[in-house]
Amino acid sequence: MLNTIKTFLASEKGATAIEYGLIAAGIAVAIAGVVFTVGGDLDTMFGGVSTQIQAG
């Protein structure tokens, strides 16, 4: 039992998983920021394209 606890405390798998989670969260925040920043510009651009297509 004591050996199992020592092994559990020495393991770094949990820390690695947390680090990967933080990296993934950072990437998600960066993507969300880009989408919100560029989203308005894309909406304007596609609105203009749609208007031109409808006008013929």
PDB file of N, CA and C in Angstrom:
ATOM      1  N   MET A   1       0.824  -1.198   0.000  1.00  0.00           N
ATOM      2  CA  MET A   1       0.000   0.000   0.000  1.00  0.00           C
ATOM      3  C   MET A   1       0.868   1.262   0.000  1.00  0.00           C
ATOM      4  N   LEU A   2       1.881   1.264   0.829  1.00  0.00           N
ATOM      5  CA  LEU A   2       2.783   2.408   0.917  1.00  0.00           C
ATOM      6  C   LEU A   2       3.547   2.596  -0.389  1.00  0.00           C
ATOM      7  N   ASN A   3       3.913   1.485  -1.026  1.00  0.00           N
ATOM      8  CA  ASN A   3       4.616   1.550  -2.302  1.00  0.00           C
ATOM      9  C   ASN A   3       3.719   2.155  -3.385  1.00  0.00           C
ATOM     10  N   THR A   4       2.433   1.826  -3.374  1.00  0.00           N
ATOM     11  CA  THR A   4       1.480   2.382  -4.340  1.00  0.00           C
ATOM     12  C   THR A   4       1.346   3.884  -4.165  1.00  0.00           C
ATOM     13  N   ILE A   5       1.316   4.349  -2.938  1.00  0.00           N
ATOM     14  CA  ILE A   5       1.211   5.791  -2.661  1.00  0.00           C
ATOM     15  C   ILE A   5       2.475   6.512  -3.128  1.00  0.00           C
ATOM     16  N   LYS A   6       3.630   5.907  -2.883  1.00  0.00           N
ATOM     17  CA  LYS A   6       4.884   6.511  -3.345  1.00  0.00           C
ATOM     18  C   LYS A   6       4.908   6.617  -4.869  1.00  0.00           C
ATOM     19  N   THR A   7       4.458   5.566  -5.536  1.00  0.00           N
ATOM     20  CA  THR A   7       4.422   5.575  -6.999  1.00  0.00           C
ATOM     21  C   THR A   7       3.474   6.656  -7.503  1.00  0.00           C
ATOM     22  N   PHE A   8       2.324   6.777  -6.855  1.00  0.00           N
ATOM     23  CA  PHE A   8       1.340   7.792  -7.249  1.00  0.00           C
ATOM     24  C   PHE A   8       1.912   9.199  -7.083  1.00  0.00           C
ATOM     25  N   LEU A   9       2.583   9.459  -5.998  1.00  0.00           N
ATOM     26  CA  LEU A   9       3.136  10.789  -5.737  1.00  0.00           C
ATOM     27  C   LEU A   9       4.312  11.107  -6.653  1.00  0.00           C
ATOM     28  N   ALA A  10       5.052  10.093  -7.088  1.00  0.00           N
ATOM     29  CA  ALA A  10       6.202  10.310  -7.959  1.00  0.00           C
ATOM     30  C   ALA A  10       5.789  10.473  -9.423  1.00  0.00           C
ATOM     31  N   SER A  11       4.584  10.042  -9.767  1.00  0.00           N
ATOM     32  CA  SER A  11       4.131  10.092 -11.160  1.00  0.00           C
ATOM     33  C   SER A  11       3.902  11.535 -11.597  1.00  0.00           C
ATOM     34  N   GLU A  12       4.340  11.848 -12.808  1.00  0.00           N
ATOM     35  CA  GLU A  12       4.147  13.192 -13.365  1.00  0.00           C
ATOM     36  C   GLU A  12       3.123  13.201 -14.487  1.00  0.00           C
ATOM     37  N   LYS A  13       2.388  12.122 -14.667  1.00  0.00           N
ATOM     38  CA  LYS A  13       1.405  12.042 -15.750  1.00  0.00           C
ATOM     39  C   LYS A  13       0.300  13.078 -15.573  1.00  0.00           C
ATOM     40  N   GLY A  14      -0.141  13.287 -14.356  1.00  0.00           N
ATOM     41  CA  GLY A  14      -1.189  14.274 -14.102  1.00  0.00           C
ATOM     42  C   GLY A  14      -0.732  15.684 -14.420  1.00  0.00           C
ATOM     43  N   ALA A  15       0.502  15.997 -14.061  1.00  0.00           N
ATOM     44  CA  ALA A  15       1.046  17.331 -14.337  1.00  0.00           C
ATOM     45  C   ALA A  15       1.159  17.560 -15.838  1.00  0.00           C
ATOM     46  N   THR A  16       1.566  16.530 -16.563  1.00  0.00           N
ATOM     47  CA  THR A  16       1.685  16.646 -18.011  1.00  0.00           C
ATOM     48  C   THR A  16       0.315  16.865 -18.638  1.00  0.00           C
ATOM     49  N   ALA A  17      -0.681  16.152 -18.159  1.00  0.00           N
ATOM     50  CA  ALA A  17      -2.037  16.317 -18.681  1.00  0.00           C
ATOM     51  C   ALA A  17      -2.548  17.733 -18.425  1.00  0.00           C
ATOM     52  N   ILE A  18      -2.254  18.265 -17.260  1.00  0.00           N
ATOM     53  CA  ILE A  18      -2.676  19.634 -16.943  1.00  0.00           C
ATOM     54  C   ILE A  18      -1.970  20.630 -17.861  1.00  0.00           C
ATOM     55  N   GLU A  19      -0.699  20.410 -18.114  1.00  0.00           N
ATOM     56  CA  GLU A  19       0.044  21.311 -19.009  1.00  0.00           C
ATOM     57  C   GLU A  19      -0.541  21.284 -20.412  1.00  0.00           C
ATOM     58  N   TYR A  20      -0.847  20.090 -20.915  1.00  0.00           N
ATOM     59  CA  TYR A  20      -1.465  19.992 -22.236  1.00  0.00           C
ATOM     60  C   TYR A  20      -2.838  20.664 -22.252  1.00  0.00           C
ATOM     61  N   GLY A  21      -3.571  20.530 -21.169  1.00  0.00           N
ATOM     62  CA  GLY A  21      -4.874  21.186 -21.063  1.00  0.00           C
ATOM     63  C   GLY A  21      -4.742  22.701 -21.111  1.00  0.00           C
ATOM     64  N   LEU A  22      -3.742  23.227 -20.425  1.00  0.00           N
ATOM     65  CA  LEU A  22      -3.514  24.675 -20.440  1.00  0.00           C
ATOM     66  C   LEU A  22      -3.097  25.159 -21.823  1.00  0.00           C
ATOM     67  N   ILE A  23      -2.271  24.367 -22.512  1.00  0.00           N
ATOM     68  CA  ILE A  23      -1.875  24.735 -23.874  1.00  0.00           C
ATOM     69  C   ILE A  23      -3.093  24.746 -24.787  1.00  0.00           C
ATOM     70  N   ALA A  24      -3.936  23.710 -24.678  1.00  0.00           N
ATOM     71  CA  ALA A  24      -5.149  23.636 -25.504  1.00  0.00           C
ATOM     72  C   ALA A  24      -6.081  24.805 -25.200  1.00  0.00           C
ATOM     73  N   ALA A  25      -6.210  25.177 -23.934  1.00  0.00           N
ATOM     74  CA  ALA A  25      -7.060  26.306 -23.564  1.00  0.00           C
ATOM     75  C   ALA A  25      -6.511  27.613 -24.141  1.00  0.00           C
ATOM     76  N   GLY A  26      -5.205  27.777 -24.100  1.00  0.00           N
ATOM     77  CA  GLY A  26      -4.588  28.976 -24.672  1.00  0.00           C
ATOM     78  C   GLY A  26      -4.817  29.074 -26.171  1.00  0.00           C
ATOM     79  N   ILE A  27      -4.690  27.945 -26.851  1.00  0.00           N
ATOM     80  CA  ILE A  27      -4.935  27.932 -28.297  1.00  0.00           C
ATOM     81  C   ILE A  27      -6.397  28.253 -28.590  1.00  0.00           C
ATOM     82  N   ALA A  28      -7.305  27.702 -27.793  1.00  0.00           N
ATOM     83  CA  ALA A  28      -8.743  27.970 -27.983  1.00  0.00           C
ATOM     84  C   ALA A  28      -9.056  29.450 -27.786  1.00  0.00           C
ATOM     85  N   VAL A  29      -8.448  30.067 -26.786  1.00  0.00           N
ATOM     86  CA  VAL A  29      -8.659  31.500 -26.545  1.00  0.00           C
ATOM     87  C   VAL A  29      -8.119  32.325 -27.707  1.00  0.00           C
ATOM     88  N   ALA A  30      -6.962  31.929 -28.238  1.00  0.00           N
ATOM     89  CA  ALA A  30      -6.387  32.649 -29.380  1.00  0.00           C
ATOM     90  C   ALA A  30      -7.287  32.532 -30.605  1.00  0.00           C
ATOM     91  N   ILE A  31      -7.797  31.328 -30.866  1.00  0.00           N
ATOM     92  CA  ILE A  31      -8.697  31.127 -32.011  1.00  0.00           C
ATOM     93  C   ILE A  31      -9.963  31.946 -31.841  1.00  0.00           C
ATOM     94  N   ALA A  32     -10.537  31.938 -30.635  1.00  0.00           N
ATOM     95  CA  ALA A  32     -11.751  32.713 -30.383  1.00  0.00           C
ATOM     96  C   ALA A  32     -11.495  34.204 -30.590  1.00  0.00           C
ATOM     97  N   GLY A  33     -10.354  34.681 -30.145  1.00  0.00           N
ATOM     98  CA  GLY A  33     -10.015  36.097 -30.341  1.00  0.00           C
ATOM     99  C   GLY A  33      -9.905  36.464 -31.807  1.00  0.00           C
ATOM    100  N   VAL A  34      -9.280  35.599 -32.582  1.00  0.00           N
ATOM    101  CA  VAL A  34      -9.152  35.861 -34.023  1.00  0.00           C
ATOM    102  C   VAL A  34     -10.514  35.831 -34.695  1.00  0.00           C
ATOM    103  N   VAL A  35     -11.348  34.873 -34.323  1.00  0.00           N
ATOM    104  CA  VAL A  35     -12.678  34.764 -34.935  1.00  0.00           C
ATOM    105  C   VAL A  35     -13.504  36.004 -34.623  1.00  0.00           C
ATOM    106  N   PHE A  36     -13.483  36.462 -33.389  1.00  0.00           N
ATOM    107  CA  PHE A  36     -14.262  37.651 -33.041  1.00  0.00           C
ATOM    108  C   PHE A  36     -13.710  38.911 -33.698  1.00  0.00           C
ATOM    109  N   THR A  37     -12.396  38.978 -33.856  1.00  0.00           N
ATOM    110  CA  THR A  37     -11.777  40.145 -34.475  1.00  0.00           C
ATOM    111  C   THR A  37     -12.047  40.194 -35.972  1.00  0.00           C
ATOM    112  N   VAL A  38     -11.891  39.065 -36.632  1.00  0.00           N
ATOM    113  CA  VAL A  38     -12.021  39.008 -38.084  1.00  0.00           C
ATOM    114  C   VAL A  38     -13.472  38.744 -38.504  1.00  0.00           C
ATOM    115  N   GLY A  39     -14.294  38.283 -37.585  1.00  0.00           N
ATOM    116  CA  GLY A  39     -15.670  37.917 -37.908  1.00  0.00           C
ATOM    117  C   GLY A  39     -16.465  39.040 -38.543  1.00  0.00           C
ATOM    118  N   GLY A  40     -16.355  40.239 -38.020  1.00  0.00           N
ATOM    119  CA  GLY A  40     -17.084  41.382 -38.576  1.00  0.00           C
ATOM    120  C   GLY A  40     -16.645  41.707 -39.992  1.00  0.00           C
ATOM    121  N   ASP A  41     -15.344  41.639 -40.224  1.00  0.00           N
ATOM    122  CA  ASP A  41     -14.812  41.896 -41.565  1.00  0.00           C
ATOM    123  C   ASP A  41     -15.303  40.850 -42.559  1.00  0.00           C
ATOM    124  N   LEU A  42     -15.316  39.592 -42.134  1.00  0.00           N
ATOM    125  CA  LEU A  42     -15.791  38.529 -43.021  1.00  0.00           C
ATOM    126  C   LEU A  42     -17.273  38.690 -43.328  1.00  0.00           C
ATOM    127  N   ASP A  43     -18.049  39.085 -42.326  1.00  0.00           N
ATOM    128  CA  ASP A  43     -19.480  39.296 -42.528  1.00  0.00           C
ATOM    129  C   ASP A  43     -19.711  40.403 -43.554  1.00  0.00           C
ATOM    130  N   THR A  44     -18.956  41.471 -43.458  1.00  0.00           N
ATOM    131  CA  THR A  44     -19.067  42.571 -44.415  1.00  0.00           C
ATOM    132  C   THR A  44     -18.671  42.114 -45.816  1.00  0.00           C
ATOM    133  N   MET A  45     -17.584  41.376 -45.913  1.00  0.00           N
ATOM    134  CA  MET A  45     -17.107  40.917 -47.219  1.00  0.00           C
ATOM    135  C   MET A  45     -18.120  39.986 -47.880  1.00  0.00           C
ATOM    136  N   PHE A  46     -18.612  38.996 -47.139  1.00  0.00           N
ATOM    137  CA  PHE A  46     -19.563  38.060 -47.718  1.00  0.00           C
ATOM    138  C   PHE A  46     -20.910  38.720 -47.995  1.00  0.00           C
ATOM    139  N   GLY A  47     -21.257  39.728 -47.224  1.00  0.00           N
ATOM    140  CA  GLY A  47     -22.476  40.491 -47.506  1.00  0.00           C
ATOM    141  C   GLY A  47     -22.361  41.219 -48.841  1.00  0.00           C
ATOM    142  N   GLY A  48     -21.184  41.784 -49.098  1.00  0.00           N
ATOM    143  CA  GLY A  48     -20.954  42.456 -50.392  1.00  0.00           C
ATOM    144  C   GLY A  48     -20.986  41.482 -51.546  1.00  0.00           C
ATOM    145  N   VAL A  49     -20.393  40.326 -51.355  1.00  0.00           N
ATOM    146  CA  VAL A  49     -20.414  39.290 -52.413  1.00  0.00           C
ATOM    147  C   VAL A  49     -21.845  38.835 -52.672  1.00  0.00           C
ATOM    148  N   SER A  50     -22.600  38.640 -51.617  1.00  0.00           N
ATOM    149  CA  SER A  50     -24.006  38.223 -51.759  1.00  0.00           C
ATOM    150  C   SER A  50     -24.812  39.270 -52.504  1.00  0.00           C
ATOM    151  N   THR A  51     -24.589  40.531 -52.206  1.00  0.00           N
ATOM    152  CA  THR A  51     -25.300  41.609 -52.875  1.00  0.00           C
ATOM    153  C   THR A  51     -24.957  41.640 -54.366  1.00  0.00           C
ATOM    154  N   GLN A  52     -23.687  41.448 -54.678  1.00  0.00           N
ATOM    155  CA  GLN A  52     -23.269  41.460 -56.082  1.00  0.00           C
ATOM    156  C   GLN A  52     -23.849  40.277 -56.852  1.00  0.00           C
ATOM    157  N   ILE A  53     -23.919  39.129 -56.197  1.00  0.00           N
ATOM    158  CA  ILE A  53     -24.473  37.939 -56.860  1.00  0.00           C
ATOM    159  C   ILE A  53     -25.969  38.153 -57.118  1.00  0.00           C
ATOM    160  N   GLN A  54     -26.691  38.708 -56.147  1.00  0.00           N
ATOM    161  CA  GLN A  54     -28.128  38.927 -56.315  1.00  0.00           C
ATOM    162  C   GLN A  54     -28.400  39.985 -57.370  1.00  0.00           C
ATOM    163  N   ALA A  55     -27.514  40.960 -57.495  1.00  0.00           N
ATOM    164  CA  ALA A  55     -27.701  42.019 -58.485  1.00  0.00           C
ATOM    165  C   ALA A  55     -27.447  41.488 -59.906  1.00  0.00           C
ATOM    166  N   GLY A  56     -26.672  40.416 -59.965  1.00  0.00           N
ATOM    167  CA  GLY A  56     -26.437  39.792 -61.270  1.00  0.00           C
ATOM    168  C   GLY A  56     -25.313  40.406 -61.954  1.00  0.00           C
TER     169      GLY A  56
END
